[in-house]
Structures are given as C-alpha cells and as structure tokens.
Amino acid sequence: MRRFPDSSAVLVRYSRDDKGGPKLSDYELLEFPASETDRAKLLDEMLQKCLGVRGRVLKERKFYLVGQTRVHIDTVQGLGSFMELEVVLDNKQTLEEGQKIARDLQSKLGVTDEDLLDCAYMDLLEKK
C-alpha cells in the first residue's frame, strides 16, 4: 500500500524477476482518492492481518517522463538515492524493443551495468 501526502493511496501488486538489467514488470493498481482514506486504511489493515508485514519502505519520489519512459528518482530512507527507468510498452511493442529503449536511455544517462540493482528496496533494507 502506497500512501501519499494528499491522503490518497494506491495498492500495488507487481511481480518482477530479481535479475540485473532491463526486466519485465507485471503490475496492477487499485487507487484510492483522498476521499476514500478510510477504505484504503481498512484494506491495508486487513492485508496486514492476513499476510503480516515484511517491512516498510519510506521514500520520496520525483517523476519525469522521457518519451515513453517513466524516470523515477527515489530518495529512500536508510538507503540513499536511486533511479528507475520504466519503459511503458504499447500493445505492438516487444520486450526486446522496450529493453533497447531502456538501454539507450541508460547509456545516455551514464549508468553502467554495475550500477544496476537486482532486487527491491525492501531486500536492501533487510540486508543492512
């Protein structure tokens, strides 16, 4: 559950392989506007009771759009700053085309393969 300063929230379900380099993310969003804060809180509490809590990631995100690529600049409490490139494919594009777009922007930004992460922020926090 992601909560925002304006009291809105979004539940994110995603699956992504833990491997280096560009990878496919499969995700679904359930959005709660600020007017539905109580419903978001109730769902969050229900999920916590059913599944438990693995941890909490506190971050500030800046968002930019470069063509069809979403660029996320995250400052994660306890970890530092990170950048994520998320190429949004249209129905006609292949995974390989998306990877090419990501690699091109990665190169233009001077990000090396050694800079890439192969896990989630929560994984990094648990390793600390």
N, C-alpha and C. Protein backbone atom coordinates (compact mmCIF):
# COMPACT_ATOMS: atom_id res chain seq x y z
N MET A 1 0.87 -1.17 0.00
CA MET A 1 0.00 0.00 0.00
C MET A 1 0.90 1.22 0.00
N ARG A 2 0.71 2.08 -0.96
CA ARG A 2 1.47 3.33 -1.01
C ARG A 2 0.54 4.45 -0.57
N ARG A 3 1.01 5.23 0.39
CA ARG A 3 0.23 6.37 0.88
C ARG A 3 0.93 7.65 0.46
N PHE A 4 0.12 8.66 0.12
CA PHE A 4 0.66 9.90 -0.40
C PHE A 4 0.30 11.06 0.53
N PRO A 5 1.08 12.16 0.46
CA PRO A 5 0.83 13.31 1.35
C PRO A 5 -0.58 13.89 1.26
N ASP A 6 -1.24 13.74 0.11
CA ASP A 6 -2.61 14.29 -0.02
C ASP A 6 -3.68 13.35 0.54
N SER A 7 -3.26 12.29 1.25
CA SER A 7 -4.13 11.28 1.86
C SER A 7 -4.66 10.24 0.87
N SER A 8 -4.34 10.35 -0.41
CA SER A 8 -4.71 9.30 -1.35
C SER A 8 -3.78 8.10 -1.13
N ALA A 9 -4.14 6.98 -1.73
CA ALA A 9 -3.33 5.77 -1.59
C ALA A 9 -3.53 4.91 -2.83
N VAL A 10 -2.61 3.99 -3.03
CA VAL A 10 -2.75 3.02 -4.11
C VAL A 10 -2.14 1.70 -3.65
N LEU A 11 -2.90 0.63 -3.87
CA LEU A 11 -2.40 -0.70 -3.61
C LEU A 11 -1.76 -1.19 -4.90
N VAL A 12 -0.52 -1.64 -4.80
CA VAL A 12 0.23 -2.08 -5.98
C VAL A 12 0.55 -3.55 -5.83
N ARG A 13 0.16 -4.33 -6.84
CA ARG A 13 0.55 -5.73 -6.90
C ARG A 13 1.46 -5.85 -8.12
N TYR A 14 2.69 -6.27 -7.88
CA TYR A 14 3.55 -6.44 -9.04
C TYR A 14 4.45 -7.64 -8.87
N SER A 15 4.90 -8.13 -9.99
CA SER A 15 5.85 -9.22 -9.98
C SER A 15 6.94 -8.88 -10.98
N ARG A 16 8.17 -9.08 -10.53
CA ARG A 16 9.33 -8.73 -11.36
C ARG A 16 10.46 -9.66 -10.94
N ASP A 17 11.14 -10.23 -11.91
CA ASP A 17 12.26 -11.11 -11.60
C ASP A 17 13.38 -10.33 -10.94
N ASP A 18 14.03 -10.95 -9.97
CA ASP A 18 15.21 -10.36 -9.34
C ASP A 18 16.43 -10.72 -10.18
N LYS A 19 16.68 -9.89 -11.18
CA LYS A 19 17.86 -10.08 -12.04
C LYS A 19 18.31 -8.71 -12.50
N GLY A 20 19.56 -8.61 -12.88
CA GLY A 20 20.10 -7.34 -13.34
C GLY A 20 19.60 -6.99 -14.73
N GLY A 21 19.69 -5.73 -15.07
CA GLY A 21 19.33 -5.27 -16.40
C GLY A 21 17.84 -5.07 -16.57
N PRO A 22 17.45 -4.64 -17.77
CA PRO A 22 16.03 -4.41 -18.04
C PRO A 22 15.23 -5.70 -17.88
N LYS A 23 14.07 -5.58 -17.24
CA LYS A 23 13.23 -6.75 -17.00
C LYS A 23 11.77 -6.36 -17.09
N LEU A 24 10.93 -7.33 -17.33
CA LEU A 24 9.50 -7.11 -17.46
C LEU A 24 8.87 -7.04 -16.08
N SER A 25 8.00 -6.04 -15.88
CA SER A 25 7.22 -5.92 -14.65
C SER A 25 5.76 -6.10 -14.99
N ASP A 26 5.10 -6.96 -14.25
CA ASP A 26 3.67 -7.16 -14.39
C ASP A 26 3.03 -6.57 -13.15
N TYR A 27 2.10 -5.61 -13.33
CA TYR A 27 1.54 -4.97 -12.14
C TYR A 27 0.07 -4.59 -12.34
N GLU A 28 -0.59 -4.42 -11.21
CA GLU A 28 -1.97 -3.94 -11.17
C GLU A 28 -2.06 -2.88 -10.07
N LEU A 29 -2.92 -1.89 -10.28
CA LEU A 29 -3.09 -0.80 -9.32
C LEU A 29 -4.55 -0.72 -8.88
N LEU A 30 -4.76 -0.50 -7.60
CA LEU A 30 -6.08 -0.22 -7.06
C LEU A 30 -5.95 1.12 -6.34
N GLU A 31 -6.54 2.15 -6.95
CA GLU A 31 -6.35 3.52 -6.46
C GLU A 31 -7.47 3.94 -5.51
N PHE A 32 -7.06 4.70 -4.48
CA PHE A 32 -7.99 5.26 -3.50
C PHE A 32 -7.78 6.77 -3.46
N PRO A 33 -8.75 7.55 -3.95
CA PRO A 33 -8.61 9.01 -3.84
C PRO A 33 -8.64 9.43 -2.36
N ALA A 34 -8.24 10.67 -2.10
CA ALA A 34 -8.20 11.18 -0.73
C ALA A 34 -9.55 11.03 -0.04
N SER A 35 -10.64 11.08 -0.80
CA SER A 35 -11.98 10.95 -0.22
C SER A 35 -12.26 9.54 0.30
N GLU A 36 -11.40 8.57 -0.06
CA GLU A 36 -11.59 7.18 0.38
C GLU A 36 -10.48 6.71 1.32
N THR A 37 -9.94 7.62 2.09
CA THR A 37 -8.86 7.30 3.02
C THR A 37 -9.24 6.16 3.96
N ASP A 38 -10.47 6.19 4.46
CA ASP A 38 -10.90 5.16 5.40
C ASP A 38 -10.91 3.77 4.76
N ARG A 39 -11.35 3.68 3.51
CA ARG A 39 -11.37 2.39 2.81
C ARG A 39 -9.95 1.88 2.57
N ALA A 40 -9.04 2.76 2.20
CA ALA A 40 -7.65 2.37 1.98
C ALA A 40 -7.03 1.87 3.28
N LYS A 41 -7.30 2.57 4.36
CA LYS A 41 -6.76 2.17 5.67
C LYS A 41 -7.31 0.81 6.09
N LEU A 42 -8.61 0.60 5.89
CA LEU A 42 -9.23 -0.68 6.25
C LEU A 42 -8.63 -1.81 5.44
N LEU A 43 -8.47 -1.62 4.13
CA LEU A 43 -7.87 -2.66 3.30
C LEU A 43 -6.44 -2.95 3.73
N ASP A 44 -5.69 -1.91 4.02
CA ASP A 44 -4.31 -2.07 4.47
C ASP A 44 -4.27 -2.89 5.76
N GLU A 45 -5.13 -2.58 6.70
CA GLU A 45 -5.18 -3.31 7.97
C GLU A 45 -5.58 -4.77 7.75
N MET A 46 -6.54 -5.01 6.88
CA MET A 46 -6.97 -6.38 6.58
C MET A 46 -5.82 -7.19 5.96
N LEU A 47 -5.12 -6.59 5.02
CA LEU A 47 -3.99 -7.29 4.39
C LEU A 47 -2.88 -7.58 5.39
N GLN A 48 -2.63 -6.63 6.29
CA GLN A 48 -1.61 -6.86 7.31
C GLN A 48 -1.99 -8.03 8.21
N LYS A 49 -3.28 -8.13 8.57
CA LYS A 49 -3.73 -9.23 9.42
C LYS A 49 -3.63 -10.57 8.69
N CYS A 50 -3.93 -10.57 7.41
CA CYS A 50 -3.90 -11.81 6.62
C CYS A 50 -2.48 -12.25 6.25
N LEU A 51 -1.66 -11.28 5.88
CA LEU A 51 -0.34 -11.60 5.31
C LEU A 51 0.84 -11.25 6.20
N GLY A 52 0.61 -10.43 7.22
CA GLY A 52 1.72 -9.95 8.03
C GLY A 52 2.39 -8.75 7.35
N VAL A 53 3.40 -8.23 8.01
CA VAL A 53 4.13 -7.07 7.49
C VAL A 53 5.59 -7.46 7.36
N ARG A 54 6.10 -7.39 6.16
CA ARG A 54 7.51 -7.69 5.92
C ARG A 54 8.39 -6.52 6.33
N GLY A 55 7.92 -5.31 6.10
CA GLY A 55 8.69 -4.12 6.43
C GLY A 55 8.02 -2.90 5.83
N ARG A 56 8.72 -1.80 5.95
CA ARG A 56 8.18 -0.54 5.44
C ARG A 56 9.29 0.23 4.75
N VAL A 57 9.01 0.69 3.54
CA VAL A 57 9.95 1.49 2.77
C VAL A 57 9.42 2.92 2.75
N LEU A 58 10.22 3.84 3.25
CA LEU A 58 9.86 5.25 3.22
C LEU A 58 10.71 5.93 2.15
N LYS A 59 10.01 6.53 1.18
CA LYS A 59 10.76 7.15 0.08
C LYS A 59 10.05 8.40 -0.40
N GLU A 60 10.86 9.25 -0.99
CA GLU A 60 10.34 10.42 -1.71
C GLU A 60 10.65 10.18 -3.17
N ARG A 61 9.64 10.34 -4.03
CA ARG A 61 9.83 10.06 -5.45
C ARG A 61 9.60 11.31 -6.28
N LYS A 62 10.52 11.55 -7.20
CA LYS A 62 10.33 12.56 -8.25
C LYS A 62 10.13 11.79 -9.54
N PHE A 63 9.20 12.27 -10.35
CA PHE A 63 8.80 11.54 -11.55
C PHE A 63 9.00 12.41 -12.78
N TYR A 64 9.62 11.84 -13.81
CA TYR A 64 9.82 12.53 -15.08
C TYR A 64 9.40 11.59 -16.20
N LEU A 65 9.01 12.15 -17.32
CA LEU A 65 8.65 11.36 -18.48
C LEU A 65 9.58 11.72 -19.63
N VAL A 66 10.28 10.72 -20.16
CA VAL A 66 11.17 10.90 -21.30
C VAL A 66 10.66 9.98 -22.40
N GLY A 67 9.94 10.55 -23.37
CA GLY A 67 9.31 9.72 -24.40
C GLY A 67 8.30 8.80 -23.72
N GLN A 68 8.47 7.50 -23.92
CA GLN A 68 7.56 6.54 -23.30
C GLN A 68 8.17 5.91 -22.04
N THR A 69 9.22 6.54 -21.53
CA THR A 69 9.91 6.03 -20.35
C THR A 69 9.62 6.89 -19.14
N ARG A 70 9.14 6.25 -18.08
CA ARG A 70 8.94 6.93 -16.80
C ARG A 70 10.25 6.84 -16.04
N VAL A 71 10.77 7.98 -15.64
CA VAL A 71 12.02 8.03 -14.88
C VAL A 71 11.65 8.39 -13.44
N HIS A 72 11.94 7.49 -12.52
CA HIS A 72 11.66 7.69 -11.10
C HIS A 72 12.99 7.99 -10.40
N ILE A 73 13.04 9.09 -9.68
CA ILE A 73 14.19 9.40 -8.84
C ILE A 73 13.72 9.26 -7.40
N ASP A 74 14.22 8.25 -6.72
CA ASP A 74 13.78 7.94 -5.36
C ASP A 74 14.86 8.25 -4.35
N THR A 75 14.47 8.87 -3.26
CA THR A 75 15.33 9.01 -2.08
C THR A 75 14.71 8.12 -1.02
N VAL A 76 15.41 7.04 -0.67
CA VAL A 76 14.89 6.02 0.22
C VAL A 76 15.55 6.16 1.59
N GLN A 77 14.71 6.30 2.61
CA GLN A 77 15.22 6.46 3.96
C GLN A 77 16.05 5.23 4.34
N GLY A 78 17.27 5.47 4.78
CA GLY A 78 18.16 4.39 5.20
C GLY A 78 18.99 3.79 4.08
N LEU A 79 18.73 4.20 2.83
CA LEU A 79 19.47 3.62 1.70
C LEU A 79 20.16 4.65 0.82
N GLY A 80 19.50 5.77 0.57
CA GLY A 80 20.07 6.77 -0.33
C GLY A 80 19.19 7.02 -1.54
N SER A 81 19.83 7.43 -2.64
CA SER A 81 19.10 7.83 -3.84
C SER A 81 19.26 6.80 -4.96
N PHE A 82 18.18 6.63 -5.71
CA PHE A 82 18.15 5.65 -6.79
C PHE A 82 17.36 6.20 -7.96
N MET A 83 17.57 5.61 -9.13
CA MET A 83 16.82 5.97 -10.32
C MET A 83 16.28 4.68 -10.94
N GLU A 84 15.04 4.74 -11.38
CA GLU A 84 14.43 3.61 -12.08
C GLU A 84 13.92 4.09 -13.43
N LEU A 85 14.18 3.31 -14.45
CA LEU A 85 13.66 3.59 -15.79
C LEU A 85 12.57 2.57 -16.07
N GLU A 86 11.38 3.05 -16.34
CA GLU A 86 10.24 2.17 -16.60
C GLU A 86 9.69 2.50 -17.99
N VAL A 87 10.01 1.65 -18.95
CA VAL A 87 9.53 1.84 -20.31
C VAL A 87 8.12 1.24 -20.40
N VAL A 88 7.16 2.06 -20.77
CA VAL A 88 5.78 1.60 -20.91
C VAL A 88 5.57 1.19 -22.36
N LEU A 89 5.41 -0.09 -22.57
CA LEU A 89 5.25 -0.62 -23.93
C LEU A 89 3.82 -0.47 -24.41
N ASP A 90 3.68 -0.20 -25.70
CA ASP A 90 2.33 -0.25 -26.26
C ASP A 90 2.07 -1.69 -26.71
N ASN A 91 0.85 -1.98 -27.12
CA ASN A 91 0.46 -3.35 -27.44
C ASN A 91 1.25 -3.97 -28.58
N LYS A 92 1.84 -3.14 -29.43
CA LYS A 92 2.55 -3.65 -30.60
C LYS A 92 4.04 -3.84 -30.35
N GLN A 93 4.54 -3.34 -29.23
CA GLN A 93 5.97 -3.41 -28.97
C GLN A 93 6.35 -4.71 -28.26
N THR A 94 7.54 -5.20 -28.58
CA THR A 94 8.06 -6.41 -27.95
C THR A 94 8.90 -6.04 -26.72
N LEU A 95 9.13 -7.03 -25.89
CA LEU A 95 10.00 -6.86 -24.73
C LEU A 95 11.38 -6.40 -25.19
N GLU A 96 11.86 -6.94 -26.29
CA GLU A 96 13.18 -6.58 -26.79
C GLU A 96 13.24 -5.10 -27.18
N GLU A 97 12.16 -4.57 -27.77
CA GLU A 97 12.12 -3.15 -28.11
C GLU A 97 12.18 -2.29 -26.85
N GLY A 98 11.46 -2.70 -25.83
CA GLY A 98 11.48 -1.98 -24.56
C GLY A 98 12.86 -2.00 -23.93
N GLN A 99 13.52 -3.15 -23.99
CA GLN A 99 14.87 -3.26 -23.43
C GLN A 99 15.83 -2.37 -24.19
N LYS A 100 15.67 -2.27 -25.51
CA LYS A 100 16.54 -1.40 -26.32
C LYS A 100 16.34 0.07 -25.92
N ILE A 101 15.09 0.47 -25.72
CA ILE A 101 14.80 1.85 -25.30
C ILE A 101 15.44 2.13 -23.95
N ALA A 102 15.30 1.17 -23.01
CA ALA A 102 15.87 1.35 -21.68
C ALA A 102 17.39 1.42 -21.74
N ARG A 103 18.00 0.54 -22.51
CA ARG A 103 19.46 0.52 -22.63
C ARG A 103 19.99 1.82 -23.24
N ASP A 104 19.27 2.34 -24.23
CA ASP A 104 19.68 3.59 -24.87
C ASP A 104 19.66 4.74 -23.86
N LEU A 105 18.58 4.85 -23.10
CA LEU A 105 18.50 5.92 -22.10
C LEU A 105 19.51 5.70 -20.98
N GLN A 106 19.71 4.46 -20.59
CA GLN A 106 20.71 4.13 -19.57
C GLN A 106 22.08 4.62 -20.02
N SER A 107 22.42 4.37 -21.27
CA SER A 107 23.71 4.80 -21.82
C SER A 107 23.82 6.32 -21.84
N LYS A 108 22.75 7.00 -22.28
CA LYS A 108 22.77 8.46 -22.34
C LYS A 108 22.91 9.08 -20.96
N LEU A 109 22.40 8.40 -19.93
CA LEU A 109 22.50 8.91 -18.56
C LEU A 109 23.80 8.51 -17.87
N GLY A 110 24.61 7.70 -18.55
CA GLY A 110 25.90 7.29 -17.98
C GLY A 110 25.79 6.26 -16.88
N VAL A 111 24.73 5.47 -16.90
CA VAL A 111 24.53 4.42 -15.89
C VAL A 111 25.13 3.13 -16.43
N THR A 112 26.07 2.56 -15.68
CA THR A 112 26.72 1.32 -16.10
C THR A 112 25.93 0.11 -15.58
N ASP A 113 26.19 -1.05 -16.14
CA ASP A 113 25.53 -2.27 -15.67
C ASP A 113 25.88 -2.56 -14.21
N GLU A 114 27.08 -2.16 -13.79
CA GLU A 114 27.49 -2.37 -12.40
C GLU A 114 26.66 -1.54 -11.43
N ASP A 115 26.05 -0.46 -11.93
CA ASP A 115 25.21 0.40 -11.09
C ASP A 115 23.81 -0.18 -10.86
N LEU A 116 23.43 -1.18 -11.66
CA LEU A 116 22.06 -1.69 -11.62
C LEU A 116 21.83 -2.59 -10.41
N LEU A 117 20.62 -2.54 -9.89
CA LEU A 117 20.21 -3.40 -8.78
C LEU A 117 19.44 -4.60 -9.32
N ASP A 118 19.48 -5.69 -8.57
CA ASP A 118 18.72 -6.87 -8.99
C ASP A 118 17.68 -7.27 -7.94
N CYS A 119 17.33 -6.30 -7.07
CA CYS A 119 16.36 -6.61 -6.02
C CYS A 119 15.60 -5.34 -5.64
N ALA A 120 14.63 -5.50 -4.75
CA ALA A 120 13.78 -4.40 -4.32
C ALA A 120 14.41 -3.65 -3.14
N TYR A 121 13.90 -2.43 -2.89
CA TYR A 121 14.38 -1.65 -1.75
C TYR A 121 14.23 -2.43 -0.45
N MET A 122 13.13 -3.15 -0.28
CA MET A 122 12.91 -3.91 0.94
C MET A 122 14.01 -4.95 1.15
N ASP A 123 14.44 -5.59 0.06
CA ASP A 123 15.54 -6.56 0.14
C ASP A 123 16.80 -5.88 0.64
N LEU A 124 17.09 -4.69 0.11
CA LEU A 124 18.29 -3.93 0.53
C LEU A 124 18.20 -3.54 2.00
N LEU A 125 17.04 -3.11 2.44
CA LEU A 125 16.86 -2.73 3.84
C LEU A 125 17.05 -3.92 4.77
N GLU A 126 16.59 -5.09 4.36
CA GLU A 126 16.74 -6.29 5.18
C GLU A 126 18.20 -6.73 5.28
N LYS A 127 19.01 -6.42 4.27
CA LYS A 127 20.42 -6.79 4.27
C LYS A 127 21.26 -5.90 5.17
N LYS A 128 20.73 -4.71 5.52
CA LYS A 128 21.50 -3.76 6.33
C LYS A 128 21.66 -4.25 7.75
